[in-house]
Each structure stands twice: as C-alpha cells, then as structure tokens.
C-alpha cells in the first residue's frame, strides 16, 4: 500500500463516520417529530376537539424535517460526487 492510500484511509473513515452521524441525526429528528406530533394530536382532540390547532406545529416542524432530510441526503450525495471526481483526478495526476 502506498503512502497516499495509507493517508487517505483515516480521512475516508472520518467521512464515513460523519455521514452516518448526519443520517442518524435525521432519523432521530424524524422519530421525535412523529412522537411529539402524535401527542399533540391527542392533546388537541382530548381537550378542545372543536378547535383543531395541532396541524400548525406539525406543518412548521414538518418543513424543518423536510429541509433537514434534504440537506443530509443532498450533502452526502454531493460529497460522493465530489469525492469520486477528486479520486479520478488524483489517479490521472499520479499516472502522469
């Protein structure tokens, strides 16, 4: 194994850890969203069913969930594309 490959391995391991952490963060956020909003629906329907308000926090927080998911998925995809381009360029330069 050459020095470049040996030095790149810890970087790849850290990238993998960062991606997993970002994805887990999103799934925890989504789970909390579901649990809290189920409770809000229950509280609303049990206390004042004639005035429905639970959908307001659901809509606002839902927009945040969508943005969080998009950032996590697009970020990891973008890094994969850029990383692949960098790897190809590195191999091309090493071949020169």
PDB file of N, CA and C in Angstrom:
ATOM      1  N   UNK A   1       0.857  -1.184   0.000  1.00  0.00           N
ATOM      2  CA  UNK A   1       0.000   0.000   0.000  1.00  0.00           C
ATOM      3  C   UNK A   1       0.895   1.236   0.000  1.00  0.00           C
ATOM      4  N   UNK A   2       0.601   2.185  -0.872  1.00  0.00           N
ATOM      5  CA  UNK A   2       1.429   3.387  -0.937  1.00  0.00           C
ATOM      6  C   UNK A   2       1.031   4.383   0.151  1.00  0.00           C
ATOM      7  N   UNK A   3       1.886   5.408   0.323  1.00  0.00           N
ATOM      8  CA  UNK A   3       1.646   6.402   1.387  1.00  0.00           C
ATOM      9  C   UNK A   3       0.349   7.165   1.192  1.00  0.00           C
ATOM     10  N   UNK A   4       0.006   7.470  -0.067  1.00  0.00           N
ATOM     11  CA  UNK A   4      -1.221   8.224  -0.348  1.00  0.00           C
ATOM     12  C   UNK A   4      -2.445   7.432   0.087  1.00  0.00           C
ATOM     13  N   UNK A   5      -2.468   6.157  -0.228  1.00  0.00           N
ATOM     14  CA  UNK A   5      -3.603   5.310   0.158  1.00  0.00           C
ATOM     15  C   UNK A   5      -3.668   5.166   1.670  1.00  0.00           C
ATOM     16  N   UNK A   6      -2.507   5.028   2.321  1.00  0.00           N
ATOM     17  CA  UNK A   6      -2.479   4.886   3.776  1.00  0.00           C
ATOM     18  C   UNK A   6      -2.988   6.160   4.458  1.00  0.00           C
ATOM     19  N   UNK A   7      -2.630   7.321   3.913  1.00  0.00           N
ATOM     20  CA  UNK A   7      -3.075   8.600   4.483  1.00  0.00           C
ATOM     21  C   UNK A   7      -4.544   8.864   4.194  1.00  0.00           C
ATOM     22  N   UNK A   8      -5.057   8.355   3.079  1.00  0.00           N
ATOM     23  CA  UNK A   8      -6.453   8.597   2.703  1.00  0.00           C
ATOM     24  C   UNK A   8      -7.417   7.766   3.522  1.00  0.00           C
ATOM     25  N   UNK A   9      -6.959   6.611   4.032  1.00  0.00           N
ATOM     26  CA  UNK A   9      -7.872   5.719   4.761  1.00  0.00           C
ATOM     27  C   UNK A   9      -8.484   6.361   6.002  1.00  0.00           C
ATOM     28  N   UNK A  10      -7.706   7.028   6.867  1.00  0.00           N
ATOM     29  CA  UNK A  10      -8.342   7.693   8.021  1.00  0.00           C
ATOM     30  C   UNK A  10      -9.323   8.788   7.597  1.00  0.00           C
ATOM     31  N   UNK A  11      -9.019   9.481   6.499  1.00  0.00           N
ATOM     32  CA  UNK A  11      -9.932  10.513   6.003  1.00  0.00           C
ATOM     33  C   UNK A  11     -11.249   9.888   5.563  1.00  0.00           C
ATOM     34  N   UNK A  12     -11.174   8.759   4.867  1.00  0.00           N
ATOM     35  CA  UNK A  12     -12.387   8.072   4.425  1.00  0.00           C
ATOM     36  C   UNK A  12     -13.182   7.555   5.615  1.00  0.00           C
ATOM     37  N   UNK A  13     -12.471   7.038   6.614  1.00  0.00           N
ATOM     38  CA  UNK A  13     -13.153   6.547   7.822  1.00  0.00           C
ATOM     39  C   UNK A  13     -13.879   7.696   8.516  1.00  0.00           C
ATOM     40  N   UNK A  14     -13.248   8.852   8.594  1.00  0.00           N
ATOM     41  CA  UNK A  14     -13.888  10.011   9.221  1.00  0.00           C
ATOM     42  C   UNK A  14     -15.067  10.491   8.393  1.00  0.00           C
ATOM     43  N   UNK A  15     -14.931  10.474   7.079  1.00  0.00           N
ATOM     44  CA  UNK A  15     -16.045  10.853   6.204  1.00  0.00           C
ATOM     45  C   UNK A  15     -17.221   9.912   6.432  1.00  0.00           C
ATOM     46  N   UNK A  16     -16.932   8.622   6.520  1.00  0.00           N
ATOM     47  CA  UNK A  16     -17.996   7.636   6.745  1.00  0.00           C
ATOM     48  C   UNK A  16     -18.672   7.894   8.091  1.00  0.00           C
ATOM     49  N   UNK A  17     -17.884   8.180   9.124  1.00  0.00           N
ATOM     50  CA  UNK A  17     -18.461   8.481  10.445  1.00  0.00           C
ATOM     51  C   UNK A  17     -19.352   9.718  10.383  1.00  0.00           C
ATOM     52  N   UNK A  18     -18.881  10.742   9.676  1.00  0.00           N
ATOM     53  CA  UNK A  18     -19.658  11.979   9.568  1.00  0.00           C
ATOM     54  C   UNK A  18     -20.981  11.740   8.842  1.00  0.00           C
ATOM     55  N   UNK A  19     -20.942  10.945   7.776  1.00  0.00           N
ATOM     56  CA  UNK A  19     -22.169  10.663   7.027  1.00  0.00           C
ATOM     57  C   UNK A  19     -23.155   9.860   7.864  1.00  0.00           C
ATOM     58  N   UNK A  20     -22.644   8.861   8.570  1.00  0.00           N
ATOM     59  CA  UNK A  20     -23.518   8.058   9.424  1.00  0.00           C
ATOM     60  C   UNK A  20     -24.121   8.934  10.524  1.00  0.00           C
ATOM     61  N   UNK A  21     -23.314   9.797  11.119  1.00  0.00           N
ATOM     62  CA  UNK A  21     -23.815  10.693  12.172  1.00  0.00           C
ATOM     63  C   UNK A  21     -24.902  11.613  11.630  1.00  0.00           C
ATOM     64  N   UNK A  22     -24.715  12.138  10.426  1.00  0.00           N
ATOM     65  CA  UNK A  22     -25.722  13.025   9.831  1.00  0.00           C
ATOM     66  C   UNK A  22     -27.018  12.280   9.568  1.00  0.00           C
ATOM     67  N   UNK A  23     -26.914  11.060   9.051  1.00  0.00           N
ATOM     68  CA  UNK A  23     -28.121  10.275   8.767  1.00  0.00           C
ATOM     69  C   UNK A  23     -28.834   9.879  10.057  1.00  0.00           C
ATOM     70  N   UNK A  24     -28.078   9.456  11.072  1.00  0.00           N
ATOM     71  CA  UNK A  24     -28.700   9.105  12.351  1.00  0.00           C
ATOM     72  C   UNK A  24     -29.367  10.314  12.988  1.00  0.00           C
ATOM     73  N   UNK A  25     -28.728  11.463  12.888  1.00  0.00           N
ATOM     74  CA  UNK A  25     -29.309  12.692  13.413  1.00  0.00           C
ATOM     75  C   UNK A  25     -30.660  12.965  12.767  1.00  0.00           C
ATOM     76  N   UNK A  26     -30.742  12.780  11.456  1.00  0.00           N
ATOM     77  CA  UNK A  26     -32.005  12.994  10.758  1.00  0.00           C
ATOM     78  C   UNK A  26     -33.067  12.009  11.231  1.00  0.00           C
ATOM     79  N   UNK A  27     -32.721  10.732  11.363  1.00  0.00           N
ATOM     80  CA  UNK A  27     -33.708   9.739  11.770  1.00  0.00           C
ATOM     81  C   UNK A  27     -34.174   9.942  13.209  1.00  0.00           C
ATOM     82  N   UNK A  28     -33.288  10.393  14.080  1.00  0.00           N
ATOM     83  CA  UNK A  28     -33.699  10.724  15.452  1.00  0.00           C
ATOM     84  C   UNK A  28     -34.648  11.916  15.416  1.00  0.00           C
ATOM     85  N   UNK A  29     -34.330  12.927  14.629  1.00  0.00           N
ATOM     86  CA  UNK A  29     -35.185  14.102  14.485  1.00  0.00           C
ATOM     87  C   UNK A  29     -36.572  13.688  13.982  1.00  0.00           C
ATOM     88  N   UNK A  30     -36.608  12.810  12.989  1.00  0.00           N
ATOM     89  CA  UNK A  30     -37.873  12.335  12.442  1.00  0.00           C
ATOM     90  C   UNK A  30     -38.684  11.557  13.482  1.00  0.00           C
ATOM     91  N   UNK A  31     -38.025  10.706  14.252  1.00  0.00           N
ATOM     92  CA  UNK A  31     -38.720   9.930  15.280  1.00  0.00           C
ATOM     93  C   UNK A  31     -39.308  10.839  16.357  1.00  0.00           C
ATOM     94  N   UNK A  32     -38.553  11.832  16.785  1.00  0.00           N
ATOM     95  CA  UNK A  32     -39.047  12.780  17.796  1.00  0.00           C
ATOM     96  C   UNK A  32     -40.235  13.555  17.233  1.00  0.00           C
ATOM     97  N   UNK A  33     -40.145  13.954  15.975  1.00  0.00           N
ATOM     98  CA  UNK A  33     -41.244  14.660  15.305  1.00  0.00           C
ATOM     99  C   UNK A  33     -42.527  13.821  15.353  1.00  0.00           C
ATOM    100  N   UNK A  34     -42.421  12.554  15.003  1.00  0.00           N
ATOM    101  CA  UNK A  34     -43.603  11.680  14.978  1.00  0.00           C
ATOM    102  C   UNK A  34     -44.189  11.531  16.377  1.00  0.00           C
ATOM    103  N   UNK A  35     -43.355  11.234  17.359  1.00  0.00           N
ATOM    104  CA  UNK A  35     -43.844  11.015  18.724  1.00  0.00           C
ATOM    105  C   UNK A  35     -44.496  12.284  19.279  1.00  0.00           C
ATOM    106  N   UNK A  36     -43.826  13.408  19.152  1.00  0.00           N
ATOM    107  CA  UNK A  36     -44.366  14.658  19.702  1.00  0.00           C
ATOM    108  C   UNK A  36     -45.665  15.040  19.005  1.00  0.00           C
ATOM    109  N   UNK A  37     -45.727  14.871  17.695  1.00  0.00           N
ATOM    110  CA  UNK A  37     -46.941  15.264  16.987  1.00  0.00           C
ATOM    111  C   UNK A  37     -48.108  14.325  17.256  1.00  0.00           C
ATOM    112  N   UNK A  38     -47.854  13.058  17.496  1.00  0.00           N
ATOM    113  CA  UNK A  38     -48.932  12.155  17.917  1.00  0.00           C
ATOM    114  C   UNK A  38     -49.480  12.626  19.266  1.00  0.00           C
ATOM    115  N   UNK A  39     -48.595  13.024  20.163  1.00  0.00           N
ATOM    116  CA  UNK A  39     -49.041  13.543  21.461  1.00  0.00           C
ATOM    117  C   UNK A  39     -49.825  14.847  21.306  1.00  0.00           C
ATOM    118  N   UNK A  40     -49.365  15.733  20.424  1.00  0.00           N
ATOM    119  CA  UNK A  40     -50.084  16.992  20.203  1.00  0.00           C
ATOM    120  C   UNK A  40     -51.482  16.752  19.633  1.00  0.00           C
ATOM    121  N   UNK A  41     -51.599  15.805  18.720  1.00  0.00           N
ATOM    122  CA  UNK A  41     -52.916  15.468  18.166  1.00  0.00           C
ATOM    123  C   UNK A  41     -53.818  14.946  19.278  1.00  0.00           C
ATOM    124  N   UNK A  42     -53.290  14.060  20.117  1.00  0.00           N
ATOM    125  CA  UNK A  42     -54.082  13.505  21.216  1.00  0.00           C
ATOM    126  C   UNK A  42     -54.523  14.596  22.189  1.00  0.00           C
ATOM    127  N   UNK A  43     -53.601  15.467  22.556  1.00  0.00           N
ATOM    128  CA  UNK A  43     -53.938  16.557  23.487  1.00  0.00           C
ATOM    129  C   UNK A  43     -55.010  17.453  22.878  1.00  0.00           C
ATOM    130  N   UNK A  44     -54.845  17.793  21.615  1.00  0.00           N
ATOM    131  CA  UNK A  44     -55.822  18.660  20.951  1.00  0.00           C
ATOM    132  C   UNK A  44     -57.196  18.002  20.914  1.00  0.00           C
ATOM    133  N   UNK A  45     -57.262  16.751  20.501  1.00  0.00           N
ATOM    134  CA  UNK A  45     -58.558  16.080  20.359  1.00  0.00           C
ATOM    135  C   UNK A  45     -59.213  15.777  21.700  1.00  0.00           C
ATOM    136  N   UNK A  46     -58.414  15.611  22.742  1.00  0.00           N
ATOM    137  CA  UNK A  46     -58.975  15.330  24.064  1.00  0.00           C
ATOM    138  C   UNK A  46     -59.372  16.590  24.821  1.00  0.00           C
ATOM    139  N   UNK A  47     -58.780  17.720  24.490  1.00  0.00           N
ATOM    140  CA  UNK A  47     -59.079  18.941  25.247  1.00  0.00           C
ATOM    141  C   UNK A  47     -60.070  19.851  24.526  1.00  0.00           C
ATOM    142  N   UNK A  48     -59.787  20.225  23.313  1.00  0.00           N
ATOM    143  CA  UNK A  48     -60.682  21.110  22.560  1.00  0.00           C
ATOM    144  C   UNK A  48     -60.871  20.585  21.135  1.00  0.00           C
ATOM    145  N   UNK A  49     -61.622  19.505  20.979  1.00  0.00           N
ATOM    146  CA  UNK A  49     -61.772  18.916  19.645  1.00  0.00           C
ATOM    147  C   UNK A  49     -62.504  19.826  18.652  1.00  0.00           C
ATOM    148  N   UNK A  50     -63.235  20.807  19.160  1.00  0.00           N
ATOM    149  CA  UNK A  50     -63.951  21.716  18.246  1.00  0.00           C
ATOM    150  C   UNK A  50     -63.013  22.750  17.612  1.00  0.00           C
ATOM    151  N   UNK A  51     -61.830  22.910  18.180  1.00  0.00           N
ATOM    152  CA  UNK A  51     -60.835  23.852  17.634  1.00  0.00           C
ATOM    153  C   UNK A  51     -59.531  23.077  17.375  1.00  0.00           C
ATOM    154  N   UNK A  52     -59.322  22.742  16.115  1.00  0.00           N
ATOM    155  CA  UNK A  52     -58.123  21.971  15.773  1.00  0.00           C
ATOM    156  C   UNK A  52     -56.943  22.908  15.547  1.00  0.00           C
ATOM    157  N   UNK A  53     -55.895  22.710  16.321  1.00  0.00           N
ATOM    158  CA  UNK A  53     -54.692  23.529  16.196  1.00  0.00           C
ATOM    159  C   UNK A  53     -53.439  22.701  15.973  1.00  0.00           C
ATOM    160  N   UNK A  54     -53.526  21.381  16.116  1.00  0.00           N
ATOM    161  CA  UNK A  54     -52.334  20.526  16.084  1.00  0.00           C
ATOM    162  C   UNK A  54     -51.587  20.599  14.754  1.00  0.00           C
ATOM    163  N   UNK A  55     -52.285  20.924  13.681  1.00  0.00           N
ATOM    164  CA  UNK A  55     -51.634  20.914  12.372  1.00  0.00           C
ATOM    165  C   UNK A  55     -50.647  22.066  12.189  1.00  0.00           C
ATOM    166  N   UNK A  56     -50.769  23.141  12.965  1.00  0.00           N
ATOM    167  CA  UNK A  56     -49.833  24.260  12.822  1.00  0.00           C
ATOM    168  C   UNK A  56     -48.413  23.869  13.220  1.00  0.00           C
ATOM    169  N   UNK A  57     -48.224  23.329  14.433  1.00  0.00           N
ATOM    170  CA  UNK A  57     -46.853  22.900  14.751  1.00  0.00           C
ATOM    171  C   UNK A  57     -46.388  21.755  13.841  1.00  0.00           C
ATOM    172  N   UNK A  58     -47.323  20.913  13.418  1.00  0.00           N
ATOM    173  CA  UNK A  58     -46.976  19.809  12.528  1.00  0.00           C
ATOM    174  C   UNK A  58     -46.453  20.343  11.188  1.00  0.00           C
ATOM    175  N   UNK A  59     -47.109  21.372  10.666  1.00  0.00           N
ATOM    176  CA  UNK A  59     -46.673  21.964   9.391  1.00  0.00           C
ATOM    177  C   UNK A  59     -45.318  22.672   9.522  1.00  0.00           C
ATOM    178  N   UNK A  60     -45.178  23.466  10.556  1.00  0.00           N
ATOM    179  CA  UNK A  60     -43.921  24.199  10.740  1.00  0.00           C
ATOM    180  C   UNK A  60     -42.738  23.280  10.959  1.00  0.00           C
ATOM    181  N   UNK A  61     -42.907  22.342  11.876  1.00  0.00           N
ATOM    182  CA  UNK A  61     -41.829  21.411  12.176  1.00  0.00           C
ATOM    183  C   UNK A  61     -41.594  20.477  10.989  1.00  0.00           C
ATOM    184  N   UNK A  62     -42.666  20.136  10.284  1.00  0.00           N
ATOM    185  CA  UNK A  62     -42.548  19.285   9.095  1.00  0.00           C
ATOM    186  C   UNK A  62     -41.680  19.934   8.028  1.00  0.00           C
ATOM    187  N   UNK A  63     -41.810  21.246   7.879  1.00  0.00           N
ATOM    188  CA  UNK A  63     -40.954  21.955   6.925  1.00  0.00           C
ATOM    189  C   UNK A  63     -39.488  21.833   7.339  1.00  0.00           C
ATOM    190  N   UNK A  64     -39.247  21.930   8.637  1.00  0.00           N
ATOM    191  CA  UNK A  64     -37.877  21.750   9.136  1.00  0.00           C
ATOM    192  C   UNK A  64     -37.358  20.346   8.892  1.00  0.00           C
ATOM    193  N   UNK A  65     -38.218  19.351   9.055  1.00  0.00           N
ATOM    194  CA  UNK A  65     -37.840  17.955   8.791  1.00  0.00           C
ATOM    195  C   UNK A  65     -37.478  17.782   7.317  1.00  0.00           C
ATOM    196  N   UNK A  66     -38.268  18.367   6.441  1.00  0.00           N
ATOM    197  CA  UNK A  66     -38.002  18.252   5.000  1.00  0.00           C
ATOM    198  C   UNK A  66     -36.652  18.887   4.661  1.00  0.00           C
ATOM    199  N   UNK A  67     -36.387  20.056   5.214  1.00  0.00           N
ATOM    200  CA  UNK A  67     -35.106  20.723   4.952  1.00  0.00           C
ATOM    201  C   UNK A  67     -33.954  19.892   5.518  1.00  0.00           C
ATOM    202  N   UNK A  68     -34.103  19.386   6.733  1.00  0.00           N
ATOM    203  CA  UNK A  68     -33.063  18.567   7.351  1.00  0.00           C
ATOM    204  C   UNK A  68     -32.781  17.329   6.496  1.00  0.00           C
ATOM    205  N   UNK A  69     -33.833  16.648   6.059  1.00  0.00           N
ATOM    206  CA  UNK A  69     -33.658  15.467   5.215  1.00  0.00           C
ATOM    207  C   UNK A  69     -32.992  15.795   3.897  1.00  0.00           C
ATOM    208  N   UNK A  70     -33.400  16.888   3.280  1.00  0.00           N
ATOM    209  CA  UNK A  70     -32.808  17.279   2.001  1.00  0.00           C
ATOM    210  C   UNK A  70     -31.325  17.599   2.164  1.00  0.00           C
ATOM    211  N   UNK A  71     -30.986  18.316   3.224  1.00  0.00           N
ATOM    212  CA  UNK A  71     -29.584  18.662   3.459  1.00  0.00           C
ATOM    213  C   UNK A  71     -28.754  17.400   3.666  1.00  0.00           C
ATOM    214  N   UNK A  72     -29.250  16.484   4.483  1.00  0.00           N
ATOM    215  CA  UNK A  72     -28.495  15.250   4.754  1.00  0.00           C
ATOM    216  C   UNK A  72     -28.328  14.436   3.478  1.00  0.00           C
ATOM    217  N   UNK A  73     -29.404  14.238   2.739  1.00  0.00           N
ATOM    218  CA  UNK A  73     -29.323  13.408   1.543  1.00  0.00           C
ATOM    219  C   UNK A  73     -28.532  14.089   0.432  1.00  0.00           C
ATOM    220  N   UNK A  74     -28.761  15.375   0.207  1.00  0.00           N
ATOM    221  CA  UNK A  74     -28.029  16.071  -0.844  1.00  0.00           C
ATOM    222  C   UNK A  74     -26.562  16.259  -0.478  1.00  0.00           C
ATOM    223  N   UNK A  75     -26.301  16.510   0.780  1.00  0.00           N
ATOM    224  CA  UNK A  75     -24.921  16.689   1.247  1.00  0.00           C
ATOM    225  C   UNK A  75     -24.115  15.411   1.035  1.00  0.00           C
ATOM    226  N   UNK A  76     -24.651  14.280   1.447  1.00  0.00           N
ATOM    227  CA  UNK A  76     -23.923  13.027   1.285  1.00  0.00           C
ATOM    228  C   UNK A  76     -23.772  12.675  -0.189  1.00  0.00           C
ATOM    229  N   UNK A  77     -24.799  12.921  -0.980  1.00  0.00           N
ATOM    230  CA  UNK A  77     -24.701  12.649  -2.420  1.00  0.00           C
ATOM    231  C   UNK A  77     -23.669  13.576  -3.058  1.00  0.00           C
ATOM    232  N   UNK A  78     -23.690  14.854  -2.724  1.00  0.00           N
ATOM    233  CA  UNK A  78     -22.749  15.815  -3.300  1.00  0.00           C
ATOM    234  C   UNK A  78     -21.315  15.441  -2.942  1.00  0.00           C
ATOM    235  N   UNK A  79     -21.086  15.068  -1.689  1.00  0.00           N
ATOM    236  CA  UNK A  79     -19.743  14.669  -1.277  1.00  0.00           C
ATOM    237  C   UNK A  79     -19.291  13.417  -2.017  1.00  0.00           C
ATOM    238  N   UNK A  80     -20.207  12.500  -2.311  1.00  0.00           N
ATOM    239  CA  UNK A  80     -19.853  11.304  -3.077  1.00  0.00           C
ATOM    240  C   UNK A  80     -19.426  11.685  -4.487  1.00  0.00           C
ATOM    241  N   UNK A  81     -20.153  12.590  -5.100  1.00  0.00           N
ATOM    242  CA  UNK A  81     -19.829  13.024  -6.467  1.00  0.00           C
ATOM    243  C   UNK A  81     -18.470  13.724  -6.475  1.00  0.00           C
ATOM    244  N   UNK A  82     -18.283  14.660  -5.552  1.00  0.00           N
ATOM    245  CA  UNK A  82     -17.022  15.414  -5.496  1.00  0.00           C
ATOM    246  C   UNK A  82     -15.864  14.480  -5.148  1.00  0.00           C
ATOM    247  N   UNK A  83     -16.079  13.587  -4.198  1.00  0.00           N
ATOM    248  CA  UNK A  83     -15.029  12.644  -3.818  1.00  0.00           C
ATOM    249  C   UNK A  83     -14.625  11.753  -4.982  1.00  0.00           C
ATOM    250  N   UNK A  84     -15.585  11.310  -5.768  1.00  0.00           N
ATOM    251  CA  UNK A  84     -15.287  10.499  -6.945  1.00  0.00           C
ATOM    252  C   UNK A  84     -14.490  11.278  -7.973  1.00  0.00           C
ATOM    253  N   UNK A  85     -14.848  12.539  -8.167  1.00  0.00           N
ATOM    254  CA  UNK A  85     -14.118  13.391  -9.107  1.00  0.00           C
ATOM    255  C   UNK A  85     -12.680  13.598  -8.629  1.00  0.00           C
ATOM    256  N   UNK A  86     -12.513  13.839  -7.324  1.00  0.00           N
ATOM    257  CA  UNK A  86     -11.174  14.035  -6.770  1.00  0.00           C
ATOM    258  C   UNK A  86     -10.329  12.774  -6.935  1.00  0.00           C
ATOM    259  N   UNK A  87     -10.925  11.627  -6.684  1.00  0.00           N
ATOM    260  CA  UNK A  87     -10.203  10.356  -6.803  1.00  0.00           C
ATOM    261  C   UNK A  87      -9.752  10.119  -8.244  1.00  0.00           C
ATOM    262  N   UNK A  88     -10.619  10.368  -9.207  1.00  0.00           N
ATOM    263  CA  UNK A  88     -10.254  10.200 -10.621  1.00  0.00           C
ATOM    264  C   UNK A  88      -9.136  11.170 -11.013  1.00  0.00           C
ATOM    265  N   UNK A  89      -9.226  12.405 -10.538  1.00  0.00           N
ATOM    266  CA  UNK A  89      -8.202  13.390 -10.860  1.00  0.00           C
ATOM    267  C   UNK A  89      -6.859  12.992 -10.220  1.00  0.00           C
ATOM    268  N   UNK A  90      -6.901  12.493  -9.004  1.00  0.00           N
ATOM    269  CA  UNK A  90      -5.689  12.049  -8.325  1.00  0.00           C
ATOM    270  C   UNK A  90      -5.028  10.912  -9.091  1.00  0.00           C
ATOM    271  N   UNK A  91      -5.823   9.930  -9.534  1.00  0.00           N
ATOM    272  CA  UNK A  91      -5.259   8.808 -10.311  1.00  0.00           C
ATOM    273  C   UNK A  91      -4.683   9.313 -11.632  1.00  0.00           C
ATOM    274  N   UNK A  92      -5.364  10.265 -12.263  1.00  0.00           N
ATOM    275  CA  UNK A  92      -4.870  10.808 -13.523  1.00  0.00           C
ATOM    276  C   UNK A  92      -3.528  11.512 -13.310  1.00  0.00           C
ATOM    277  N   UNK A  93      -3.435  12.299 -12.238  1.00  0.00           N
ATOM    278  CA  UNK A  93      -2.187  13.009 -11.962  1.00  0.00           C
ATOM    279  C   UNK A  93      -1.061  12.051 -11.584  1.00  0.00           C
ATOM    280  N   UNK A  94      -1.387  10.991 -10.868  1.00  0.00           N
ATOM    281  CA  UNK A  94      -0.363  10.020 -10.493  1.00  0.00           C
ATOM    282  C   UNK A  94       0.143   9.268 -11.721  1.00  0.00           C
ATOM    283  N   UNK A  95      -0.712   9.133 -12.733  1.00  0.00           N
ATOM    284  CA  UNK A  95      -0.315   8.452 -13.960  1.00  0.00           C
ATOM    285  C   UNK A  95       0.566   9.300 -14.856  1.00  0.00           C
ATOM    286  N   UNK A  96       0.578  10.593 -14.642  1.00  0.00           N
ATOM    287  CA  UNK A  96       1.392  11.492 -15.492  1.00  0.00           C
ATOM    288  C   UNK A  96       2.851  11.436 -15.151  1.00  0.00           C
TER     289      UNK A  96
END
